[in-house]
Amino acid sequence: MTLFATLLVAGLIVAPAVGQCSVTTTFAGGNGAGGNMFDVMALTDLTITGFDVNISGSPQMEVWYRQGTYLGFENSSAGWTQAGNTIQVTSNGVGVPTPLTGLGASIFIPAGQIFRLHVTTVAGSMTYSNGSVQGALFAQNGDLQIFEGHGGSYFNQTNVPRVWNGAIYYNPAVGLYANF
């Protein structure tokens, strides 16, 4: 075992602390239904850890993801993976960020990869905005891009283009290094 590996295992070398980052689309609303499907692209390795949404009432919420296009799967859960648990969420008010807490899962996205997200109510209402062009880049920072997608009900996404109203929280991947 190398000196670095020995120190790492002993806990004497730690990765530098990296704060949680986020990208927000909008909370302007203007339209809505049960949820949205949209693409995200990681520009660096990152792990999605949470979401804020724009909802009303107290719906049950789920987050689903898939690698590869969601086109052709707007009306089917085939090939989608649920990220954690179905959770009950109470709205902070329409137009106000409401955190999705208690999902119990994170989503790792390697740099350069596009993942498709379905942020949805099981039954209930989610507020989103009309878009300009399906697949158009809507929000980004140096790590993550969010694109316009579809809106509609639970695995029945028929309205296009739509802009998901929310924020994605994530942790960028960091490497370990020795500082001698």
Protein backbone atom coordinates (compact mmCIF):
# COMPACT_ATOMS: atom_id res chain seq x y z
CA MET A 1 0.00 0.00 0.00
CA THR A 2 1.39 3.41 -0.94
CA LEU A 3 1.84 6.20 1.58
CA PHE A 4 -1.04 8.11 -0.05
CA ALA A 5 -3.38 5.10 0.16
CA THR A 6 -2.37 4.47 3.78
CA LEU A 7 -3.05 8.09 4.74
CA LEU A 8 -6.33 8.08 2.81
CA VAL A 9 -7.58 4.92 4.54
CA ALA A 10 -6.50 6.32 7.91
CA GLY A 11 -8.54 9.43 7.22
CA LEU A 12 -5.55 11.76 7.27
CA ILE A 13 -6.16 12.98 3.71
CA VAL A 14 -9.60 14.23 2.80
CA ALA A 15 -11.10 15.71 -0.32
CA PRO A 16 -11.55 19.45 -0.24
CA ALA A 17 -15.03 20.46 0.82
CA VAL A 18 -17.19 21.45 -2.12
CA GLY A 19 -20.45 23.26 -1.50
CA GLN A 20 -23.69 22.19 -3.03
CA CYS A 21 -24.40 23.92 -6.34
CA SER A 22 -27.62 24.56 -8.22
CA VAL A 23 -29.17 25.62 -11.51
CA THR A 24 -32.60 27.28 -11.52
CA THR A 25 -34.89 27.59 -14.52
CA THR A 26 -37.76 29.90 -13.51
CA PHE A 27 -40.74 29.98 -11.15
CA ALA A 28 -42.80 32.22 -13.45
CA GLY A 29 -45.45 29.57 -14.17
CA GLY A 30 -48.19 30.43 -16.62
CA ASN A 31 -49.27 26.86 -17.31
CA GLY A 32 -49.28 23.50 -15.62
CA ALA A 33 -50.37 19.90 -15.30
CA GLY A 34 -48.96 16.86 -13.52
CA GLY A 35 -45.27 17.26 -14.36
CA ASN A 36 -42.46 17.64 -16.88
CA MET A 37 -39.99 15.59 -18.88
CA PHE A 38 -36.80 17.38 -19.90
CA ASP A 39 -33.13 16.80 -20.67
CA VAL A 40 -30.16 17.76 -18.52
CA MET A 41 -26.54 17.61 -19.62
CA ALA A 42 -23.63 17.39 -17.21
CA LEU A 43 -20.64 19.45 -18.31
CA THR A 44 -18.62 17.99 -15.42
CA ASP A 45 -19.12 14.79 -13.41
CA LEU A 46 -21.85 15.55 -10.88
CA THR A 47 -24.42 13.98 -8.60
CA ILE A 48 -27.93 15.41 -8.46
CA THR A 49 -28.97 15.52 -4.81
CA GLY A 50 -32.25 17.43 -4.78
CA PHE A 51 -34.87 19.57 -6.44
CA ASP A 52 -37.07 22.58 -5.80
CA VAL A 53 -40.40 22.52 -7.65
CA ASN A 54 -43.31 24.86 -8.38
CA ILE A 55 -46.45 23.11 -7.12
CA SER A 56 -49.79 23.79 -5.50
CA GLY A 57 -51.51 21.83 -2.77
CA SER A 58 -49.93 18.73 -1.22
CA PRO A 59 -49.31 16.22 -4.01
CA GLN A 60 -47.34 13.01 -3.96
CA MET A 61 -44.18 13.58 -6.02
CA GLU A 62 -41.75 11.33 -7.87
CA VAL A 63 -38.56 11.84 -9.86
CA TRP A 64 -37.68 9.44 -12.68
CA TYR A 65 -34.62 9.38 -14.93
CA ARG A 66 -33.25 7.59 -17.95
CA GLN A 67 -30.16 7.67 -20.07
CA GLY A 68 -30.97 8.10 -23.72
CA THR A 69 -33.85 9.98 -25.22
CA TYR A 70 -37.24 10.23 -23.57
CA LEU A 71 -38.79 10.86 -26.98
CA GLY A 72 -41.05 7.90 -27.67
CA PHE A 73 -41.35 7.25 -23.92
CA GLU A 74 -43.46 10.28 -22.92
CA ASN A 75 -46.41 7.96 -22.25
CA SER A 76 -44.63 4.94 -20.78
CA SER A 77 -42.52 4.18 -17.71
CA ALA A 78 -40.60 1.52 -19.70
CA GLY A 79 -36.86 2.19 -19.44
CA TRP A 80 -37.25 4.81 -16.69
CA THR A 81 -35.79 4.39 -13.18
CA GLN A 82 -37.43 5.97 -10.16
CA ALA A 83 -34.97 8.03 -8.11
CA GLY A 84 -35.82 6.99 -4.58
CA ASN A 85 -39.20 7.22 -2.93
CA THR A 86 -42.62 8.61 -3.68
CA ILE A 87 -42.97 11.52 -1.24
CA GLN A 88 -45.79 13.74 0.00
CA VAL A 89 -44.92 17.42 -0.46
CA THR A 90 -46.74 20.51 0.81
CA SER A 91 -46.41 23.54 -1.45
CA ASN A 92 -44.78 26.74 -0.22
CA GLY A 93 -47.10 28.51 -2.69
CA VAL A 94 -47.28 28.76 -6.46
CA GLY A 95 -44.27 30.65 -7.76
CA VAL A 96 -42.30 29.87 -4.59
CA PRO A 97 -39.61 27.13 -4.54
CA THR A 98 -40.78 24.01 -2.69
CA PRO A 99 -38.01 21.53 -1.82
CA LEU A 100 -38.44 17.83 -2.58
CA THR A 101 -37.02 16.34 0.59
CA GLY A 102 -36.96 12.66 1.43
CA LEU A 103 -36.47 11.21 -2.05
CA GLY A 104 -33.69 9.05 -0.61
CA ALA A 105 -31.66 8.79 -3.80
CA SER A 106 -29.21 10.73 -5.92
CA ILE A 107 -28.45 10.60 -9.64
CA PHE A 108 -24.84 10.49 -10.88
CA ILE A 109 -24.31 11.96 -14.35
CA PRO A 110 -20.88 11.68 -16.00
CA ALA A 111 -19.48 14.69 -17.86
CA GLY A 112 -20.80 14.96 -21.41
CA GLN A 113 -23.81 12.72 -20.76
CA ILE A 114 -27.44 13.70 -21.26
CA PHE A 115 -30.00 12.29 -18.86
CA ARG A 116 -33.75 12.66 -19.10
CA LEU A 117 -35.73 13.61 -16.01
CA HIS A 118 -39.43 13.22 -15.29
CA VAL A 119 -40.31 15.37 -12.29
CA THR A 120 -43.96 14.65 -11.64
CA THR A 121 -46.89 14.50 -9.31
CA VAL A 122 -48.55 11.11 -8.97
CA ALA A 123 -51.83 13.00 -8.77
CA GLY A 124 -51.93 16.74 -8.40
CA SER A 125 -50.75 19.88 -10.09
CA MET A 126 -47.33 21.21 -10.96
CA THR A 127 -46.74 24.64 -12.44
CA TYR A 128 -44.55 25.07 -15.51
CA SER A 129 -44.10 27.60 -18.31
CA ASN A 130 -44.68 27.56 -22.04
CA GLY A 131 -41.43 27.15 -23.92
CA SER A 132 -40.14 28.33 -27.27
CA VAL A 133 -38.55 25.21 -28.85
CA GLN A 134 -38.51 21.68 -27.47
CA GLY A 135 -34.89 20.76 -26.74
CA ALA A 136 -33.70 24.39 -26.56
CA LEU A 137 -31.22 25.24 -23.81
CA PHE A 138 -33.08 27.16 -21.08
CA ALA A 139 -30.74 27.42 -18.06
CA GLN A 140 -27.12 26.56 -17.34
CA ASN A 141 -23.98 27.19 -15.38
CA GLY A 142 -20.46 25.79 -15.78
CA ASP A 143 -21.53 22.29 -14.64
CA LEU A 144 -25.09 21.61 -15.78
CA GLN A 145 -27.50 22.51 -18.58
CA ILE A 146 -31.33 22.24 -18.47
CA PHE A 147 -33.34 22.04 -21.70
CA GLU A 148 -36.97 22.70 -22.62
CA GLY A 149 -39.13 19.60 -22.77
CA HIS A 150 -42.67 18.30 -22.41
CA GLY A 151 -45.46 18.84 -19.88
CA GLY A 152 -48.51 16.84 -19.01
CA SER A 153 -49.80 14.28 -16.56
CA TYR A 154 -48.12 11.23 -15.01
CA PHE A 155 -46.32 9.46 -17.89
CA ASN A 156 -48.64 11.21 -20.31
CA GLN A 157 -46.55 14.13 -21.58
CA THR A 158 -48.44 15.66 -24.48
CA ASN A 159 -47.80 19.42 -24.14
CA VAL A 160 -44.72 20.76 -25.93
CA PRO A 161 -42.60 22.82 -25.61
CA ARG A 162 -42.68 23.36 -21.86
CA VAL A 163 -40.16 24.72 -19.37
CA TRP A 164 -39.87 22.90 -16.06
CA ASN A 165 -40.12 25.38 -13.16
CA GLY A 166 -37.56 24.47 -10.54
CA ALA A 167 -34.01 24.15 -9.32
CA ILE A 168 -31.66 21.19 -9.45
CA TYR A 169 -29.16 20.81 -6.60
CA TYR A 170 -26.01 18.82 -7.16
CA ASN A 171 -22.52 18.13 -5.94
CA PRO A 172 -19.68 18.30 -8.43
CA ALA A 173 -17.34 15.32 -8.39
CA VAL A 174 -13.98 16.08 -6.80
CA GLY A 175 -10.79 14.10 -6.91
CA LEU A 176 -8.68 13.23 -3.92
CA TYR A 177 -5.16 14.53 -3.82
CA ALA A 178 -2.26 14.64 -1.41
CA ASN A 179 -0.96 18.04 -0.45
CA PHE A 180 2.64 17.40 0.60
